[in-house]
């Protein structure tokens, strides 16, 4: 497989038809033209639409407005890959909801067909990043794998026999699995969800609440822990324990060959991977412990995954 970070550091998905890729996040839409060599050209970022019920249609309007700007004088793209947050069925293009943008029950496939002339492949943002990891990154050579994105929220991409598990868009929503009954309040309304304990945002939030400080993110909590702060240590350890609990269930259920940790929290590298690896192995007495690694496809993994989806829809 092609290295996603060749000389010069730009991402590539290998030789094939030119496509456009759009990766929609809660605050930013990232977009790029990928040429026939699979190289991303002219990566641009624009603000995501305002939160609300019309945000789904606004996403498609934004995509339509960027097609010409991205293509310019380049060879015409044959397809578009569009990845979205929330609960999205990759097979139908129907989005049930997105908590960070506010849409509910949006038929993105229909909206895209109405506004865009090229074929459009629609997918979930984390599954798309996982697709890039499987094809180009840490998952290469593996058939059954789980990629967990640990950022503002927590979500997973599940691959069995080399294929993503979609489940109507709900597969991989590990962030809303209860791992500490009666624990932290989650945005979904439940108590003790993994996302409410182990996401990068929740680690910072819980530390701030316990100390009265206002650190901006989990990185500062890790730094405080390494400086001997007992509150930071307790917050970090509880996040690790909750993550290990969730992963132990995943391992027992599908026995992945590899678990890939990505997102902002994975920037902690061995400060995260080391204790997760150790505690997961200690807790699994009956089933083998899978390999645990950090994601390697890079910050453009969502774009790469969107482009790979576009190549497959032609």
C-alpha atoms as a PDB file:
ATOM      1  CA  UNK A   1       0.000   0.000   0.000  1.00  0.00           C
ATOM      2  CA  UNK A   2       1.029   3.598  -0.574  1.00  0.00           C
ATOM      3  CA  UNK A   3       2.551   5.465   2.345  1.00  0.00           C
ATOM      4  CA  UNK A   4       0.098   8.259   3.257  1.00  0.00           C
ATOM      5  CA  UNK A   5       2.996  10.570   4.128  1.00  0.00           C
ATOM      6  CA  UNK A   6       5.539  10.435   1.302  1.00  0.00           C
ATOM      7  CA  UNK A   7       8.359  12.905   0.760  1.00  0.00           C
ATOM      8  CA  UNK A   8       7.133  16.408   1.464  1.00  0.00           C
ATOM      9  CA  UNK A   9       4.617  15.195   4.035  1.00  0.00           C
ATOM     10  CA  UNK A  10       1.505  15.519   1.854  1.00  0.00           C
ATOM     11  CA  UNK A  11      -1.103  12.744   2.075  1.00  0.00           C
ATOM     12  CA  UNK A  12      -1.681  10.334  -0.807  1.00  0.00           C
ATOM     13  CA  UNK A  13      -4.131   7.524  -1.505  1.00  0.00           C
ATOM     14  CA  UNK A  14      -2.270   6.188  -4.518  1.00  0.00           C
ATOM     15  CA  UNK A  15      -2.874   6.246  -8.256  1.00  0.00           C
ATOM     16  CA  UNK A  16      -6.471   6.448  -9.478  1.00  0.00           C
ATOM     17  CA  UNK A  17      -9.178   8.801 -10.668  1.00  0.00           C
ATOM     18  CA  UNK A  18      -9.210  12.389  -9.318  1.00  0.00           C
ATOM     19  CA  UNK A  19     -11.824  13.022  -6.631  1.00  0.00           C
ATOM     20  CA  UNK A  20     -12.944  15.673  -4.160  1.00  0.00           C
ATOM     21  CA  UNK A  21     -13.002  14.974  -0.437  1.00  0.00           C
ATOM     22  CA  UNK A  22     -14.941  16.785   2.291  1.00  0.00           C
ATOM     23  CA  UNK A  23     -14.558  16.047   6.000  1.00  0.00           C
ATOM     24  CA  UNK A  24     -17.228  17.811   8.088  1.00  0.00           C
ATOM     25  CA  UNK A  25     -16.545  18.491  11.751  1.00  0.00           C
ATOM     26  CA  UNK A  26     -18.358  20.326  14.491  1.00  0.00           C
ATOM     27  CA  UNK A  27     -16.470  23.563  13.862  1.00  0.00           C
ATOM     28  CA  UNK A  28     -14.686  23.149  10.522  1.00  0.00           C
ATOM     29  CA  UNK A  29     -15.219  21.614   7.103  1.00  0.00           C
ATOM     30  CA  UNK A  30     -11.942  20.419   5.597  1.00  0.00           C
ATOM     31  CA  UNK A  31     -11.867  19.898   1.837  1.00  0.00           C
ATOM     32  CA  UNK A  32      -9.348  18.901  -0.831  1.00  0.00           C
ATOM     33  CA  UNK A  33      -8.881  17.880  -4.452  1.00  0.00           C
ATOM     34  CA  UNK A  34      -7.020  14.578  -4.781  1.00  0.00           C
ATOM     35  CA  UNK A  35      -5.325  14.195  -8.146  1.00  0.00           C
ATOM     36  CA  UNK A  36      -4.708  11.077 -10.235  1.00  0.00           C
ATOM     37  CA  UNK A  37      -1.591  10.359  -8.168  1.00  0.00           C
ATOM     38  CA  UNK A  38      -3.742  10.403  -5.044  1.00  0.00           C
ATOM     39  CA  UNK A  39      -2.096  13.564  -3.755  1.00  0.00           C
ATOM     40  CA  UNK A  40      -4.171  16.129  -1.876  1.00  0.00           C
ATOM     41  CA  UNK A  41      -4.057  19.515  -3.573  1.00  0.00           C
ATOM     42  CA  UNK A  42      -5.272  22.821  -2.192  1.00  0.00           C
ATOM     43  CA  UNK A  43      -6.558  21.691   1.205  1.00  0.00           C
ATOM     44  CA  UNK A  44      -8.919  24.372   2.482  1.00  0.00           C
ATOM     45  CA  UNK A  45     -10.867  24.854   5.688  1.00  0.00           C
ATOM     46  CA  UNK A  46     -14.115  26.747   6.106  1.00  0.00           C
ATOM     47  CA  UNK A  47     -16.374  27.108   9.159  1.00  0.00           C
ATOM     48  CA  UNK A  48     -19.065  24.492   9.649  1.00  0.00           C
ATOM     49  CA  UNK A  49     -22.633  25.825   9.487  1.00  0.00           C
ATOM     50  CA  UNK A  50     -24.365  27.136  12.579  1.00  0.00           C
ATOM     51  CA  UNK A  51     -25.974  24.626  14.914  1.00  0.00           C
ATOM     52  CA  UNK A  52     -29.588  23.933  14.068  1.00  0.00           C
ATOM     53  CA  UNK A  53     -32.055  21.864  12.052  1.00  0.00           C
ATOM     54  CA  UNK A  54     -30.986  23.452   8.748  1.00  0.00           C
ATOM     55  CA  UNK A  55     -27.305  22.697   9.256  1.00  0.00           C
ATOM     56  CA  UNK A  56     -27.527  19.530   7.144  1.00  0.00           C
ATOM     57  CA  UNK A  57     -28.757  21.371   4.072  1.00  0.00           C
ATOM     58  CA  UNK A  58     -26.192  24.099   4.767  1.00  0.00           C
ATOM     59  CA  UNK A  59     -23.410  21.490   4.626  1.00  0.00           C
ATOM     60  CA  UNK A  60     -24.473  20.431   1.127  1.00  0.00           C
ATOM     61  CA  UNK A  61     -24.741  24.073   0.047  1.00  0.00           C
ATOM     62  CA  UNK A  62     -21.182  24.642   1.292  1.00  0.00           C
ATOM     63  CA  UNK A  63     -19.914  21.569  -0.551  1.00  0.00           C
ATOM     64  CA  UNK A  64     -21.627  22.689  -3.772  1.00  0.00           C
ATOM     65  CA  UNK A  65     -20.076  26.126  -3.435  1.00  0.00           C
ATOM     66  CA  UNK A  66     -16.559  24.701  -3.029  1.00  0.00           C
ATOM     67  CA  UNK A  67     -16.554  22.236  -5.928  1.00  0.00           C
ATOM     68  CA  UNK A  68     -15.535  24.820  -8.523  1.00  0.00           C
ATOM     69  CA  UNK A  69     -13.018  26.482  -6.215  1.00  0.00           C
ATOM     70  CA  UNK A  70     -11.281  23.171  -5.486  1.00  0.00           C
ATOM     71  CA  UNK A  71     -11.271  21.966  -9.076  1.00  0.00           C
ATOM     72  CA  UNK A  72     -10.261  25.162 -10.865  1.00  0.00           C
ATOM     73  CA  UNK A  73      -8.293  24.288 -14.006  1.00  0.00           C
ATOM     74  CA  UNK A  74      -7.521  20.776 -12.790  1.00  0.00           C
ATOM     75  CA  UNK A  75      -8.839  17.569 -14.315  1.00  0.00           C
ATOM     76  CA  UNK A  76     -12.532  17.175 -13.502  1.00  0.00           C
ATOM     77  CA  UNK A  77     -13.151  14.986 -10.427  1.00  0.00           C
ATOM     78  CA  UNK A  78     -15.176  11.840 -11.093  1.00  0.00           C
ATOM     79  CA  UNK A  79     -16.765  11.634  -7.634  1.00  0.00           C
ATOM     80  CA  UNK A  80     -17.076  13.303  -4.241  1.00  0.00           C
ATOM     81  CA  UNK A  81     -16.477  11.787  -0.816  1.00  0.00           C
ATOM     82  CA  UNK A  82     -18.352  13.414   2.068  1.00  0.00           C
ATOM     83  CA  UNK A  83     -17.871  12.363   5.689  1.00  0.00           C
ATOM     84  CA  UNK A  84     -20.147  13.543   8.466  1.00  0.00           C
ATOM     85  CA  UNK A  85     -20.319  13.429  12.268  1.00  0.00           C
ATOM     86  CA  UNK A  86     -23.142  11.925  14.302  1.00  0.00           C
ATOM     87  CA  UNK A  87     -25.196   8.876  13.421  1.00  0.00           C
ATOM     88  CA  UNK A  88     -24.937   8.370   9.668  1.00  0.00           C
ATOM     89  CA  UNK A  89     -25.720   5.244   7.656  1.00  0.00           C
ATOM     90  CA  UNK A  90     -22.937   4.937   5.086  1.00  0.00           C
ATOM     91  CA  UNK A  91     -25.035   2.570   2.992  1.00  0.00           C
ATOM     92  CA  UNK A  92     -28.056   4.877   2.557  1.00  0.00           C
ATOM     93  CA  UNK A  93     -26.631   8.348   3.212  1.00  0.00           C
ATOM     94  CA  UNK A  94     -29.312   8.992   5.838  1.00  0.00           C
ATOM     95  CA  UNK A  95     -28.261  10.829   9.006  1.00  0.00           C
ATOM     96  CA  UNK A  96     -30.325  10.281  12.129  1.00  0.00           C
ATOM     97  CA  UNK A  97     -28.744  13.027  14.217  1.00  0.00           C
ATOM     98  CA  UNK A  98     -25.618  15.041  14.950  1.00  0.00           C
ATOM     99  CA  UNK A  99     -25.331  16.375  18.478  1.00  0.00           C
ATOM    100  CA  UNK A 100     -22.664  18.960  17.605  1.00  0.00           C
ATOM    101  CA  UNK A 101     -24.420  20.435  14.549  1.00  0.00           C
ATOM    102  CA  UNK A 102     -28.067  19.944  15.440  1.00  0.00           C
ATOM    103  CA  UNK A 103     -29.537  18.150  12.422  1.00  0.00           C
ATOM    104  CA  UNK A 104     -31.996  15.279  12.738  1.00  0.00           C
ATOM    105  CA  UNK A 105     -33.274  12.840  10.111  1.00  0.00           C
ATOM    106  CA  UNK A 106     -31.498  14.332   7.111  1.00  0.00           C
ATOM    107  CA  UNK A 107     -31.362  12.432   3.820  1.00  0.00           C
ATOM    108  CA  UNK A 108     -27.922  13.541   2.674  1.00  0.00           C
ATOM    109  CA  UNK A 109     -27.995  11.227  -0.334  1.00  0.00           C
ATOM    110  CA  UNK A 110     -31.100  12.987  -1.651  1.00  0.00           C
ATOM    111  CA  UNK A 111     -29.730  16.466  -0.899  1.00  0.00           C
ATOM    112  CA  UNK A 112     -26.450  15.637  -2.611  1.00  0.00           C
ATOM    113  CA  UNK A 113     -28.221  14.272  -5.698  1.00  0.00           C
ATOM    114  CA  UNK A 114     -30.248  17.486  -5.846  1.00  0.00           C
ATOM    115  CA  UNK A 115     -27.287  19.884  -5.595  1.00  0.00           C
ATOM    116  CA  UNK A 116     -24.245  18.047  -6.974  1.00  0.00           C
ATOM    117  CA  UNK A 117     -23.621  16.683 -10.459  1.00  0.00           C
ATOM    118  CA  UNK A 118     -20.939  14.135  -9.473  1.00  0.00           C
ATOM    119  CA  UNK A 119     -21.603  10.795  -7.726  1.00  0.00           C
ATOM    120  CA  UNK A 120     -21.304  11.261  -3.956  1.00  0.00           C
ATOM    121  CA  UNK A 121     -20.137   8.698  -1.394  1.00  0.00           C
ATOM    122  CA  UNK A 122     -21.373   9.553   2.088  1.00  0.00           C
ATOM    123  CA  UNK A 123     -19.839   8.153   5.251  1.00  0.00           C
ATOM    124  CA  UNK A 124     -19.293   8.599   8.958  1.00  0.00           C
ATOM    125  CA  UNK A 125     -16.257  10.696   9.849  1.00  0.00           C
ATOM    126  CA  UNK A 126     -14.663   8.184  12.221  1.00  0.00           C
ATOM    127  CA  UNK A 127     -15.387   5.205   9.956  1.00  0.00           C
ATOM    128  CA  UNK A 128     -13.757   7.151   7.118  1.00  0.00           C
ATOM    129  CA  UNK A 129     -10.690   7.862   9.247  1.00  0.00           C
ATOM    130  CA  UNK A 130     -10.668   4.190  10.175  1.00  0.00           C
ATOM    131  CA  UNK A 131     -10.844   3.283   6.482  1.00  0.00           C
ATOM    132  CA  UNK A 132      -7.736   5.388   5.919  1.00  0.00           C
ATOM    133  CA  UNK A 133      -5.989   3.701   8.837  1.00  0.00           C
ATOM    134  CA  UNK A 134      -6.829   0.261   7.455  1.00  0.00           C
ATOM    135  CA  UNK A 135      -5.704   1.093   3.919  1.00  0.00           C
ATOM    136  CA  UNK A 136      -2.789   3.430   4.571  1.00  0.00           C
ATOM    137  CA  UNK A 137      -1.937   3.563   8.256  1.00  0.00           C
ATOM    138  CA  UNK A 138      -1.617   1.453  11.377  1.00  0.00           C
ATOM    139  CA  UNK A 139      -4.261  -1.061  10.300  1.00  0.00           C
ATOM    140  CA  UNK A 140      -2.520  -2.175   7.105  1.00  0.00           C
ATOM    141  CA  UNK A 141      -2.318  -5.953   6.859  1.00  0.00           C
ATOM    142  CA  UNK A 142      -5.088  -6.532   9.394  1.00  0.00           C
ATOM    143  CA  UNK A 143      -8.609  -7.794   8.713  1.00  0.00           C
ATOM    144  CA  UNK A 144     -10.418  -7.376  12.037  1.00  0.00           C
ATOM    145  CA  UNK A 145      -9.677  -4.130  13.838  1.00  0.00           C
ATOM    146  CA  UNK A 146     -11.114  -1.317  15.932  1.00  0.00           C
ATOM    147  CA  UNK A 147     -10.045   2.311  15.625  1.00  0.00           C
ATOM    148  CA  UNK A 148     -11.132   4.513  18.547  1.00  0.00           C
ATOM    149  CA  UNK A 149     -11.123   8.294  18.114  1.00  0.00           C
ATOM    150  CA  UNK A 150     -10.593  10.074  21.431  1.00  0.00           C
ATOM    151  CA  UNK A 151     -11.258  13.757  20.974  1.00  0.00           C
ATOM    152  CA  UNK A 152     -14.081  16.080  21.958  1.00  0.00           C
ATOM    153  CA  UNK A 153     -16.177  12.912  21.936  1.00  0.00           C
ATOM    154  CA  UNK A 154     -15.428   9.206  21.667  1.00  0.00           C
ATOM    155  CA  UNK A 155     -16.381   7.023  18.722  1.00  0.00           C
ATOM    156  CA  UNK A 156     -15.052   3.908  17.038  1.00  0.00           C
ATOM    157  CA  UNK A 157     -14.736   2.354  13.609  1.00  0.00           C
ATOM    158  CA  UNK A 158     -15.146  -1.411  13.588  1.00  0.00           C
ATOM    159  CA  UNK A 159     -13.783  -3.639  10.815  1.00  0.00           C
ATOM    160  CA  UNK A 160     -14.553  -7.346  10.560  1.00  0.00           C
ATOM    161  CA  UNK A 161     -13.003  -9.438   7.800  1.00  0.00           C
ATOM    162  CA  UNK A 162     -11.753  -6.240   6.195  1.00  0.00           C
ATOM    163  CA  UNK A 163     -15.166  -4.583   5.962  1.00  0.00           C
ATOM    164  CA  UNK A 164     -16.552  -1.741   8.095  1.00  0.00           C
ATOM    165  CA  UNK A 165     -19.484  -2.592  10.329  1.00  0.00           C
ATOM    166  CA  UNK A 166     -22.151   0.097   9.838  1.00  0.00           C
ATOM    167  CA  UNK A 167     -25.220  -1.156  11.703  1.00  0.00           C
ATOM    168  CA  UNK A 168     -27.513   1.484  10.287  1.00  0.00           C
ATOM    169  CA  UNK A 169     -25.037   4.126  11.409  1.00  0.00           C
ATOM    170  CA  UNK A 170     -24.978   3.083  15.058  1.00  0.00           C
ATOM    171  CA  UNK A 171     -22.066   0.644  15.029  1.00  0.00           C
ATOM    172  CA  UNK A 172     -19.041   2.007  16.840  1.00  0.00           C
ATOM    173  CA  UNK A 173     -20.886   4.438  19.126  1.00  0.00           C
ATOM    174  CA  UNK A 174     -18.767   3.194  21.993  1.00  0.00           C
ATOM    175  CA  UNK A 175     -18.684   6.650  23.551  1.00  0.00           C
ATOM    176  CA  UNK A 176     -22.252   6.223  24.715  1.00  0.00           C
ATOM    177  CA  UNK A 177     -21.723   2.845  26.349  1.00  0.00           C
ATOM    178  CA  UNK A 178     -22.081   3.082  30.137  1.00  0.00           C
ATOM    179  CA  UNK A 179     -18.834   2.036  31.795  1.00  0.00           C
ATOM    180  CA  UNK A 180     -19.350   3.631  35.241  1.00  0.00           C
ATOM    181  CA  UNK A 181     -23.019   3.230  36.266  1.00  0.00           C
ATOM    182  CA  UNK A 182     -24.307   6.390  37.933  1.00  0.00           C
ATOM    183  CA  UNK A 183     -21.171   8.283  36.910  1.00  0.00           C
ATOM    184  CA  UNK A 184     -20.598  11.508  35.001  1.00  0.00           C
ATOM    185  CA  UNK A 185     -23.516  13.051  33.111  1.00  0.00           C
ATOM    186  CA  UNK A 186     -23.148  12.589  29.354  1.00  0.00           C
ATOM    187  CA  UNK A 187     -24.465  14.851  26.586  1.00  0.00           C
ATOM    188  CA  UNK A 188     -26.721  11.971  25.530  1.00  0.00           C
ATOM    189  CA  UNK A 189     -28.537  12.209  28.887  1.00  0.00           C
ATOM    190  CA  UNK A 190     -27.166   9.001  30.365  1.00  0.00           C
ATOM    191  CA  UNK A 191     -24.828   8.659  33.339  1.00  0.00           C
ATOM    192  CA  UNK A 192     -21.361   7.149  33.239  1.00  0.00           C
ATOM    193  CA  UNK A 193     -20.813   6.970  29.475  1.00  0.00           C
ATOM    194  CA  UNK A 194     -17.268   6.455  28.215  1.00  0.00           C
ATOM    195  CA  UNK A 195     -17.355   9.821  26.433  1.00  0.00           C
ATOM    196  CA  UNK A 196     -18.211  11.617  29.681  1.00  0.00           C
ATOM    197  CA  UNK A 197     -15.130  10.161  31.375  1.00  0.00           C
ATOM    198  CA  UNK A 198     -12.423   9.425  28.819  1.00  0.00           C
ATOM    199  CA  UNK A 199     -12.763  11.981  26.016  1.00  0.00           C
ATOM    200  CA  UNK A 200     -10.118  14.693  25.821  1.00  0.00           C
ATOM    201  CA  UNK A 201     -12.776  17.307  26.558  1.00  0.00           C
ATOM    202  CA  UNK A 202     -14.141  15.482  29.597  1.00  0.00           C
ATOM    203  CA  UNK A 203     -10.680  14.984  31.093  1.00  0.00           C
ATOM    204  CA  UNK A 204     -10.079  18.739  31.016  1.00  0.00           C
ATOM    205  CA  UNK A 205     -13.604  19.481  32.244  1.00  0.00           C
ATOM    206  CA  UNK A 206     -13.376  17.092  35.195  1.00  0.00           C
ATOM    207  CA  UNK A 207      -9.967  18.430  36.196  1.00  0.00           C
ATOM    208  CA  UNK A 208     -11.206  22.022  36.045  1.00  0.00           C
ATOM    209  CA  UNK A 209     -14.223  21.194  38.157  1.00  0.00           C
ATOM    210  CA  UNK A 210     -12.133  19.408  40.784  1.00  0.00           C
ATOM    211  CA  UNK A 211      -9.470  22.102  41.057  1.00  0.00           C
ATOM    212  CA  UNK A 212     -11.232  25.332  40.158  1.00  0.00           C
ATOM    213  CA  UNK A 213      -8.608  25.830  37.442  1.00  0.00           C
ATOM    214  CA  UNK A 214      -9.345  26.534  33.784  1.00  0.00           C
ATOM    215  CA  UNK A 215      -6.893  24.465  31.760  1.00  0.00           C
ATOM    216  CA  UNK A 216      -7.801  24.479  28.050  1.00  0.00           C
ATOM    217  CA  UNK A 217      -7.374  20.787  27.325  1.00  0.00           C
ATOM    218  CA  UNK A 218      -6.245  17.301  28.258  1.00  0.00           C
ATOM    219  CA  UNK A 219      -2.627  18.059  27.355  1.00  0.00           C
ATOM    220  CA  UNK A 220      -2.360  20.380  30.327  1.00  0.00           C
ATOM    221  CA  UNK A 221      -3.869  17.703  32.583  1.00  0.00           C
ATOM    222  CA  UNK A 222      -1.205  15.233  31.429  1.00  0.00           C
ATOM    223  CA  UNK A 223       1.500  17.822  32.075  1.00  0.00           C
ATOM    224  CA  UNK A 224       0.097  18.457  35.562  1.00  0.00           C
ATOM    225  CA  UNK A 225       0.056  14.714  36.230  1.00  0.00           C
ATOM    226  CA  UNK A 226       3.685  14.391  35.220  1.00  0.00           C
ATOM    227  CA  UNK A 227       4.514  17.275  37.564  1.00  0.00           C
ATOM    228  CA  UNK A 228       3.014  15.299  40.441  1.00  0.00           C
ATOM    229  CA  UNK A 229      -0.482  16.820  40.658  1.00  0.00           C
ATOM    230  CA  UNK A 230      -2.598  14.217  42.499  1.00  0.00           C
ATOM    231  CA  UNK A 231      -5.906  15.505  41.077  1.00  0.00           C
ATOM    232  CA  UNK A 232      -4.590  15.267  37.522  1.00  0.00           C
ATOM    233  CA  UNK A 233      -3.321  11.762  38.273  1.00  0.00           C
ATOM    234  CA  UNK A 234      -6.723  10.679  39.602  1.00  0.00           C
ATOM    235  CA  UNK A 235      -8.583  12.156  36.627  1.00  0.00           C
ATOM    236  CA  UNK A 236      -6.188  10.543  34.148  1.00  0.00           C
ATOM    237  CA  UNK A 237      -6.298   7.144  35.840  1.00  0.00           C
ATOM    238  CA  UNK A 238     -10.097   7.135  35.924  1.00  0.00           C
ATOM    239  CA  UNK A 239     -10.154   7.952  32.204  1.00  0.00           C
ATOM    240  CA  UNK A 240      -7.756   5.087  31.478  1.00  0.00           C
ATOM    241  CA  UNK A 241      -9.783   2.670  33.596  1.00  0.00           C
ATOM    242  CA  UNK A 242     -13.030   3.576  31.818  1.00  0.00           C
ATOM    243  CA  UNK A 243     -11.402   3.201  28.409  1.00  0.00           C
ATOM    244  CA  UNK A 244      -9.929  -0.167  29.348  1.00  0.00           C
ATOM    245  CA  UNK A 245     -13.333  -1.369  30.562  1.00  0.00           C
ATOM    246  CA  UNK A 246     -14.920  -0.475  27.214  1.00  0.00           C
ATOM    247  CA  UNK A 247     -12.071  -1.997  25.198  1.00  0.00           C
ATOM    248  CA  UNK A 248     -12.183  -5.231  27.189  1.00  0.00           C
ATOM    249  CA  UNK A 249     -15.793  -5.706  26.105  1.00  0.00           C
ATOM    250  CA  UNK A 250     -14.899  -4.989  22.489  1.00  0.00           C
ATOM    251  CA  UNK A 251     -12.052  -7.515  22.607  1.00  0.00           C
ATOM    252  CA  UNK A 252     -14.254 -10.190  24.127  1.00  0.00           C
ATOM    253  CA  UNK A 253     -16.955  -9.601  21.524  1.00  0.00           C
ATOM    254  CA  UNK A 254     -15.034  -9.560  18.216  1.00  0.00           C
ATOM    255  CA  UNK A 255     -11.405 -10.370  19.117  1.00  0.00           C
ATOM    256  CA  UNK A 256      -9.759  -7.692  16.940  1.00  0.00           C
ATOM    257  CA  UNK A 257      -6.230  -8.289  15.745  1.00  0.00           C
ATOM    258  CA  UNK A 258      -5.385  -4.671  16.510  1.00  0.00           C
ATOM    259  CA  UNK A 259      -6.822  -1.686  18.395  1.00  0.00           C
ATOM    260  CA  UNK A 260      -5.837   1.729  17.041  1.00  0.00           C
ATOM    261  CA  UNK A 261      -6.176   4.816  19.228  1.00  0.00           C
ATOM    262  CA  UNK A 262      -6.507   8.167  17.468  1.00  0.00           C
ATOM    263  CA  UNK A 263      -7.791  11.679  18.079  1.00  0.00           C
ATOM    264  CA  UNK A 264      -6.305  14.422  20.202  1.00  0.00           C
ATOM    265  CA  UNK A 265      -5.886  12.274  23.294  1.00  0.00           C
ATOM    266  CA  UNK A 266      -3.645   9.863  21.388  1.00  0.00           C
ATOM    267  CA  UNK A 267      -1.098  12.680  21.138  1.00  0.00           C
ATOM    268  CA  UNK A 268      -0.168  11.652  24.684  1.00  0.00           C
ATOM    269  CA  UNK A 269       1.454   8.636  22.993  1.00  0.00           C
ATOM    270  CA  UNK A 270       2.914   6.153  25.506  1.00  0.00           C
ATOM    271  CA  UNK A 271       1.499   8.080  28.437  1.00  0.00           C
ATOM    272  CA  UNK A 272      -1.837   6.824  27.111  1.00  0.00           C
ATOM    273  CA  UNK A 273      -0.864   3.648  25.270  1.00  0.00           C
ATOM    274  CA  UNK A 274       1.375   2.273  27.998  1.00  0.00           C
ATOM    275  CA  UNK A 275      -1.161   2.126  30.838  1.00  0.00           C
ATOM    276  CA  UNK A 276      -4.019   1.133  28.517  1.00  0.00           C
ATOM    277  CA  UNK A 277      -1.938  -1.739  27.134  1.00  0.00           C
ATOM    278  CA  UNK A 278      -0.877  -2.864  30.618  1.00  0.00           C
ATOM    279  CA  UNK A 279      -4.322  -2.678  32.233  1.00  0.00           C
ATOM    280  CA  UNK A 280      -6.082  -4.264  29.277  1.00  0.00           C
ATOM    281  CA  UNK A 281      -3.697  -7.221  29.344  1.00  0.00           C
ATOM    282  CA  UNK A 282      -4.177  -7.562  33.111  1.00  0.00           C
ATOM    283  CA  UNK A 283      -7.953  -7.649  32.762  1.00  0.00           C
ATOM    284  CA  UNK A 284      -8.169 -10.166  29.918  1.00  0.00           C
ATOM    285  CA  UNK A 285      -7.660 -13.618  31.374  1.00  0.00           C
ATOM    286  CA  UNK A 286      -9.554 -15.777  28.868  1.00  0.00           C
ATOM    287  CA  UNK A 287      -9.077 -14.087  25.480  1.00  0.00           C
ATOM    288  CA  UNK A 288      -5.821 -12.938  23.824  1.00  0.00           C
ATOM    289  CA  UNK A 289      -4.830  -9.291  24.147  1.00  0.00           C
ATOM    290  CA  UNK A 290      -4.716  -7.579  20.739  1.00  0.00           C
ATOM    291  CA  UNK A 291      -1.964  -5.301  19.579  1.00  0.00           C
ATOM    292  CA  UNK A 292      -2.575  -1.703  20.712  1.00  0.00           C
ATOM    293  CA  UNK A 293      -1.079   1.145  18.671  1.00  0.00           C
ATOM    294  CA  UNK A 294      -1.461   4.841  17.890  1.00  0.00           C
ATOM    295  CA  UNK A 295      -3.093   5.976  14.641  1.00  0.00           C
ATOM    296  CA  UNK A 296      -0.561   6.886  11.942  1.00  0.00           C
ATOM    297  CA  UNK A 297      -2.588   8.140   8.948  1.00  0.00           C
ATOM    298  CA  UNK A 298      -2.247  11.673  10.293  1.00  0.00           C
ATOM    299  CA  UNK A 299      -4.483  14.678  10.797  1.00  0.00           C
ATOM    300  CA  UNK A 300      -5.881  14.305   7.282  1.00  0.00           C
ATOM    301  CA  UNK A 301      -7.133  10.745   7.867  1.00  0.00           C
ATOM    302  CA  UNK A 302     -10.751  11.873   7.503  1.00  0.00           C
ATOM    303  CA  UNK A 303     -10.002  13.478   4.145  1.00  0.00           C
ATOM    304  CA  UNK A 304      -8.096  10.427   2.972  1.00  0.00           C
ATOM    305  CA  UNK A 305     -10.975   8.194   4.027  1.00  0.00           C
ATOM    306  CA  UNK A 306     -13.477  10.427   2.208  1.00  0.00           C
ATOM    307  CA  UNK A 307     -11.347  10.244  -0.932  1.00  0.00           C
ATOM    308  CA  UNK A 308     -11.117   6.464  -0.699  1.00  0.00           C
ATOM    309  CA  UNK A 309     -14.916   6.295  -0.419  1.00  0.00           C
ATOM    310  CA  UNK A 310     -15.225   8.534  -3.481  1.00  0.00           C
ATOM    311  CA  UNK A 311     -12.936   6.286  -5.520  1.00  0.00           C
ATOM    312  CA  UNK A 312     -15.127   3.304  -4.647  1.00  0.00           C
ATOM    313  CA  UNK A 313     -18.427   4.902  -5.663  1.00  0.00           C
ATOM    314  CA  UNK A 314     -17.457   5.452  -9.284  1.00  0.00           C
END
